[in-house]
Amino acid sequence: MNYLFNPNPNNRNNSMATLILRDTHILLEEKMKSLDKLKKETSIKIREAASHGDLKENGEYHAAREEQSFIVRKTQILQTHSPFKIIEYNEIETDVVGFGNKVTIQEQGKDKTEDYYLLGPIEFELDLYPLVITIHSPFGQAIVGKKVDEDFTLEIRGEDIKFKIISIEKITPKK
């Protein structure tokens, strides 16, 4: 079963597609298959628990229903981001901040830098990298197009905070 739509690169509607790394797309397909299998197994648990009689006081039944609700919700969250535009690692550039970059940022007045991974909502949902910021988030939008040594300001809790781009690297495939 194909869970995800892989758009034709020549399709004009690609501007509406969610950017996703090739490896993430493969993991997402695996996750969707796993969730589908789990949903089927949970349906069997629900039927078996329901066969035990009174559903009002049937803990097994309610636990299985709750588990199935969680599975359905997780599946819906992951599917809401399709269609996808798969980004290959060789397409990721480092001259300016963009999708697929590991960006080292320093907050003004602080000595320590932080590494952020500018990716999409699927990498965020699957928790594949530390400190993922999505390309559509306010922080992501503030850094897109910036170069090394360029400053930017972001309003955080009503206060303007200044940051500096220290480095831009290409995210590499996970081994």
Protein backbone atom coordinates (compact mmCIF):
# COMPACT_ATOMS: atom_id res chain seq x y z
CA MET A 1 0.00 0.00 0.00
CA ASN A 2 1.37 3.43 -0.92
CA TYR A 3 0.76 5.75 2.00
CA LEU A 4 2.40 8.86 0.62
CA PHE A 5 2.19 10.74 -2.60
CA ASN A 6 5.51 11.41 -4.28
CA PRO A 7 4.88 14.36 -6.61
CA ASN A 8 6.30 14.64 -10.07
CA PRO A 9 9.14 17.22 -9.97
CA ASN A 10 7.61 18.88 -13.03
CA ASN A 11 4.24 19.31 -11.31
CA ARG A 12 3.31 22.98 -10.87
CA ASN A 13 1.70 22.24 -7.49
CA ASN A 14 5.10 21.44 -5.92
CA SER A 15 5.04 24.84 -4.23
CA MET A 16 2.37 23.34 -1.95
CA ALA A 17 4.43 20.21 -1.26
CA THR A 18 6.12 19.60 2.08
CA LEU A 19 9.90 19.39 1.80
CA ILE A 20 11.31 16.12 3.13
CA LEU A 21 14.74 14.50 3.03
CA ARG A 22 15.03 11.23 1.06
CA ASP A 23 15.99 9.24 4.20
CA THR A 24 13.09 10.75 6.14
CA HIS A 25 10.66 9.78 3.39
CA ILE A 26 11.85 6.17 3.60
CA LEU A 27 11.49 6.21 7.40
CA LEU A 28 8.05 7.76 7.09
CA GLU A 29 6.91 4.98 4.75
CA GLU A 30 8.18 2.43 7.30
CA LYS A 31 6.44 4.28 10.15
CA MET A 32 3.14 4.39 8.25
CA LYS A 33 3.35 0.63 7.54
CA SER A 34 4.12 0.00 11.21
CA LEU A 35 1.17 2.14 12.33
CA ASP A 36 -1.12 0.33 9.87
CA LYS A 37 -0.03 -3.05 11.25
CA LEU A 38 -0.48 -1.81 14.83
CA LYS A 39 -3.94 -0.49 13.99
CA LYS A 40 -4.96 -3.94 12.66
CA GLU A 41 -3.57 -5.65 15.76
CA THR A 42 -5.41 -3.18 18.00
CA SER A 43 -8.67 -3.81 16.14
CA ILE A 44 -8.30 -7.51 16.98
CA LYS A 45 -7.67 -6.62 20.65
CA ILE A 46 -10.82 -4.47 20.64
CA ARG A 47 -12.92 -7.31 19.19
CA GLU A 48 -11.51 -9.81 21.68
CA ALA A 49 -12.04 -7.47 24.64
CA ALA A 50 -15.59 -6.67 23.48
CA SER A 51 -16.40 -10.38 23.41
CA HIS A 52 -15.82 -10.51 27.19
CA GLY A 53 -19.16 -8.85 27.87
CA ASP A 54 -20.12 -5.58 29.56
CA LEU A 55 -18.13 -2.78 27.89
CA LYS A 56 -18.77 -0.21 30.65
CA GLU A 57 -16.40 -1.93 33.05
CA ASN A 58 -14.14 -3.63 30.54
CA GLY A 59 -10.63 -2.21 31.12
CA GLU A 60 -9.05 -4.18 28.26
CA TYR A 61 -11.62 -2.82 25.83
CA HIS A 62 -11.12 0.81 26.91
CA ALA A 63 -7.32 0.48 26.85
CA ALA A 64 -7.42 -0.97 23.33
CA ARG A 65 -9.79 1.78 22.14
CA GLU A 66 -7.49 4.43 23.61
CA GLU A 67 -4.47 2.84 21.91
CA GLN A 68 -6.30 2.78 18.59
CA SER A 69 -7.26 6.45 18.95
CA PHE A 70 -3.59 7.30 19.49
CA ILE A 71 -2.56 5.30 16.39
CA VAL A 72 -5.23 6.93 14.23
CA ARG A 73 -4.25 10.41 15.45
CA LYS A 74 -0.52 9.81 14.78
CA THR A 75 -1.34 8.53 11.29
CA GLN A 76 -3.51 11.57 10.57
CA ILE A 77 -0.80 13.97 11.75
CA LEU A 78 1.79 12.38 9.48
CA GLN A 79 -0.57 12.25 6.48
CA THR A 80 -1.65 15.90 6.76
CA HIS A 81 1.73 17.01 5.45
CA SER A 82 1.51 15.26 2.06
CA PRO A 83 2.17 15.73 -0.81
CA PHE A 84 5.94 15.71 -0.42
CA LYS A 85 8.85 17.08 -2.39
CA ILE A 86 11.81 14.82 -1.74
CA ILE A 87 15.09 16.66 -1.28
CA GLU A 88 18.28 14.79 -2.08
CA TYR A 89 21.37 15.53 0.00
CA ASN A 90 23.26 16.78 -3.08
CA GLU A 91 20.57 19.47 -3.54
CA ILE A 92 21.27 21.05 -0.14
CA GLU A 93 23.34 24.22 -0.37
CA THR A 94 25.33 26.04 2.29
CA ASP A 95 25.89 29.54 0.89
CA VAL A 96 22.70 30.73 2.62
CA VAL A 97 20.48 29.10 5.23
CA GLY A 98 17.83 26.86 3.73
CA PHE A 99 16.10 23.50 4.07
CA GLY A 100 18.47 20.70 5.07
CA ASN A 101 21.01 22.85 6.88
CA LYS A 102 22.56 22.46 10.29
CA VAL A 103 22.91 26.07 11.42
CA THR A 104 25.10 27.15 14.31
CA ILE A 105 23.65 30.25 15.94
CA GLN A 106 24.84 32.46 18.77
CA GLU A 107 22.49 34.59 20.83
CA GLN A 108 23.86 38.08 21.50
CA GLY A 109 25.41 38.30 24.96
CA LYS A 110 25.92 34.54 25.29
CA ASP A 111 29.14 32.59 24.85
CA LYS A 112 27.59 29.25 23.95
CA THR A 113 26.36 28.50 20.43
CA GLU A 114 23.46 26.21 19.54
CA ASP A 115 23.09 23.94 16.51
CA TYR A 116 19.68 23.94 14.86
CA TYR A 117 18.46 21.68 12.07
CA LEU A 118 16.26 23.50 9.55
CA LEU A 119 13.91 20.83 8.29
CA GLY A 120 10.24 20.09 7.78
CA PRO A 121 7.39 18.98 9.99
CA ILE A 122 7.95 15.26 9.35
CA GLU A 123 11.55 15.34 10.62
CA PHE A 124 10.14 17.22 13.63
CA GLU A 125 7.30 14.70 14.19
CA LEU A 126 9.60 11.70 13.87
CA ASP A 127 12.16 13.35 16.20
CA LEU A 128 15.07 12.48 13.90
CA TYR A 129 17.45 15.31 14.79
CA PRO A 130 18.12 17.34 17.93
CA LEU A 131 16.75 20.90 17.95
CA VAL A 132 14.72 20.71 14.74
CA ILE A 133 13.16 23.97 13.67
CA THR A 134 10.71 23.81 10.84
CA ILE A 135 11.14 25.95 7.80
CA HIS A 136 7.70 27.52 8.34
CA SER A 137 8.20 28.41 12.02
CA PRO A 138 8.93 32.05 12.97
CA PHE A 139 12.51 31.06 13.90
CA GLY A 140 12.90 29.16 10.63
CA GLN A 141 11.54 32.06 8.60
CA ALA A 142 13.91 34.47 10.40
CA ILE A 143 17.02 32.51 9.36
CA VAL A 144 16.12 31.40 5.83
CA GLY A 145 18.31 33.21 3.32
CA LYS A 146 20.81 34.44 5.92
CA LYS A 147 24.58 34.06 5.43
CA VAL A 148 27.39 33.28 7.86
CA ASP A 149 28.14 36.29 10.14
CA GLU A 150 24.73 37.80 9.39
CA ASP A 151 22.63 39.02 12.32
CA PHE A 152 18.89 38.68 12.74
CA THR A 153 16.38 39.67 15.38
CA LEU A 154 13.50 37.59 16.62
CA GLU A 155 10.75 38.62 18.99
CA ILE A 156 10.55 36.11 21.82
CA ARG A 157 7.98 36.62 24.58
CA GLY A 158 7.61 40.28 23.62
CA GLU A 159 11.34 40.97 23.64
CA ASP A 160 13.59 41.49 20.61
CA ILE A 161 16.50 39.04 20.80
CA LYS A 162 19.50 39.38 18.48
CA PHE A 163 21.25 36.35 17.02
CA LYS A 164 24.18 35.72 14.67
CA ILE A 165 24.68 32.94 12.12
CA ILE A 166 28.02 31.32 12.97
CA SER A 167 28.08 28.48 10.43
CA ILE A 168 25.93 26.72 7.84
CA GLU A 169 26.49 23.04 7.14
CA LYS A 170 24.76 20.46 5.00
CA ILE A 171 22.90 17.80 6.94
CA THR A 172 24.40 14.46 6.03
CA PRO A 173 22.63 11.13 5.73
CA LYS A 174 22.24 9.24 9.00
CA LYS A 175 24.34 6.10 9.12
